[in-house]
Protein backbone atom coordinates (compact mmCIF):
# COMPACT_ATOMS: atom_id res chain seq x y z
CA MET A 1 15.87 -26.43 -100.25
CA ALA A 2 15.28 -23.09 -98.48
CA SER A 3 12.23 -23.05 -96.23
CA ARG A 4 12.48 -19.43 -95.09
CA ALA A 5 14.43 -16.25 -95.87
CA VAL A 6 14.42 -13.45 -93.31
CA PRO A 7 15.82 -9.96 -93.85
CA ASN A 8 18.02 -8.73 -91.01
CA ILE A 9 18.03 -5.08 -90.04
CA LYS A 10 21.06 -3.80 -88.17
CA SER A 11 19.77 -1.06 -85.88
CA ASP A 12 21.41 1.41 -83.53
CA ARG A 13 17.90 1.87 -82.05
CA PRO A 14 16.67 -1.74 -81.79
CA ALA A 15 13.85 -1.04 -79.30
CA GLU A 16 12.41 1.64 -81.58
CA THR A 17 12.82 -0.57 -84.65
CA ARG A 18 11.03 -3.40 -82.83
CA GLU A 19 8.16 -1.10 -81.84
CA PHE A 20 7.87 0.14 -85.44
CA PHE A 21 7.14 -3.39 -86.66
CA VAL A 22 4.97 -4.32 -83.66
CA ASP A 23 2.94 -1.14 -83.17
CA LEU A 24 2.63 0.06 -86.76
CA LEU A 25 2.62 -3.13 -88.80
CA GLY A 26 1.11 -5.62 -86.33
CA PHE A 27 4.03 -8.03 -86.02
CA GLU A 28 4.52 -10.06 -82.83
CA VAL A 29 7.80 -10.86 -81.10
CA ALA A 30 8.72 -14.44 -82.03
CA MET A 31 12.19 -14.50 -80.43
CA ASP A 32 14.04 -12.07 -78.17
CA LEU A 33 17.63 -12.78 -77.11
CA GLY A 34 18.33 -9.17 -76.19
CA TRP A 35 20.90 -8.48 -78.92
CA VAL A 36 18.66 -10.00 -81.60
CA VAL A 37 14.85 -9.92 -81.92
CA THR A 38 12.72 -11.63 -84.54
CA VAL A 39 9.22 -10.35 -85.20
CA ALA A 40 6.64 -12.29 -87.18
CA SER A 41 3.20 -11.77 -88.63
CA PRO A 42 0.59 -13.36 -86.36
CA THR A 43 -1.29 -14.69 -89.41
CA ASN A 44 1.70 -15.76 -91.52
CA ARG A 45 4.57 -16.94 -89.34
CA SER A 46 6.92 -17.10 -92.33
CA ALA A 47 6.67 -13.31 -92.75
CA GLN A 48 9.47 -12.26 -90.43
CA VAL A 49 12.08 -9.56 -89.84
CA THR A 50 15.08 -9.87 -87.55
CA ILE A 51 16.45 -6.81 -85.78
CA ILE A 52 20.10 -6.99 -84.73
CA SER A 53 21.61 -4.42 -82.41
CA ASN A 54 24.68 -2.56 -83.63
CA ASP A 55 26.69 -4.38 -80.95
CA ASP A 56 27.10 -7.25 -83.43
CA PRO A 57 29.77 -6.24 -85.96
CA ALA A 58 29.21 -9.41 -87.98
CA ALA A 59 25.45 -9.02 -88.41
CA PRO A 60 24.29 -10.77 -91.59
CA GLY A 61 22.09 -9.04 -94.15
CA ILE A 62 19.79 -12.04 -94.54
CA SER A 63 19.16 -15.38 -92.87
CA VAL A 64 18.14 -18.41 -94.91
CA GLU A 65 16.76 -21.52 -93.22
CA VAL A 66 17.55 -24.81 -94.92
CA ALA A 67 16.77 -28.44 -94.11
CA ASP A 68 20.42 -29.57 -94.11
CA VAL A 69 22.88 -26.85 -93.17
CA ASP A 70 25.80 -29.32 -93.27
CA ALA A 71 25.12 -30.17 -96.92
CA VAL A 72 24.87 -26.48 -97.87
CA HIS A 73 28.10 -25.77 -96.00
CA ALA A 74 29.88 -28.59 -97.86
CA ARG A 75 28.70 -27.21 -101.22
CA ALA A 76 29.74 -23.66 -100.27
CA VAL A 77 33.24 -24.85 -99.35
CA GLU A 78 33.46 -26.93 -102.54
CA LYS A 79 32.50 -23.87 -104.62
CA GLY A 80 35.08 -21.70 -102.83
CA PHE A 81 32.76 -19.20 -101.14
CA GLU A 82 34.24 -17.17 -98.27
CA ILE A 83 33.07 -18.70 -95.00
CA ALA A 84 32.89 -15.76 -92.59
CA TYR A 85 31.55 -17.67 -89.56
CA SER A 86 32.35 -21.34 -89.20
CA LEU A 87 29.71 -24.07 -89.00
CA ARG A 88 28.62 -24.55 -85.40
CA ASP A 89 25.80 -25.33 -83.00
CA GLU A 90 24.51 -22.28 -81.14
CA GLU A 91 23.13 -22.39 -77.60
CA TRP A 92 19.72 -21.10 -78.75
CA GLY A 93 18.99 -24.26 -80.75
CA VAL A 94 20.29 -23.68 -84.27
CA ARG A 95 23.18 -24.98 -86.34
CA ARG A 96 24.54 -22.33 -88.68
CA PHE A 97 27.36 -20.74 -90.62
CA MET A 98 27.77 -17.47 -92.47
CA LEU A 99 29.25 -16.81 -95.87
CA ARG A 100 29.56 -13.93 -98.29
CA GLU A 101 27.49 -14.01 -101.45
CA PRO A 102 29.18 -12.62 -104.60
CA SER A 103 28.24 -8.96 -103.98
CA GLY A 104 29.56 -9.10 -100.42
CA THR A 105 26.38 -9.44 -98.34
CA LEU A 106 26.83 -11.69 -95.33
CA VAL A 107 24.34 -14.60 -95.45
CA ASN A 108 23.44 -16.56 -92.32
CA VAL A 109 22.55 -20.16 -93.32
CA VAL A 110 20.70 -21.94 -90.54
CA SER A 111 18.86 -25.12 -89.56
CA HIS A 112 16.95 -25.59 -86.33
CA ARG A 113 18.36 -28.49 -84.30
CA THR A 114 16.01 -31.24 -83.22
CA ASP A 115 18.04 -32.46 -80.21
């Protein structure tokens, strides 16, 4: 079901965090929306880290990409998980929601839209 899981780092120094992964570890910038940057290995695009600026108080601890975010959302609601960010389409091309896993970590569940 999950095709990718990406750790999210909340940083009060996002430019320095980005440079750490790029300059030291050889990652490349895969996405940069200003407040959120994803870096990826140039040889293994599924090896990624997302850096979220501290301006986002609801920054998730991990993002999990799934094939059918609507189905996962329906199961999460059915099981009574706390939905912290409602299911919606985002302007940058994803459909997502966020929920809390049992220990309290915020999980961003996402699918890339094809439209």
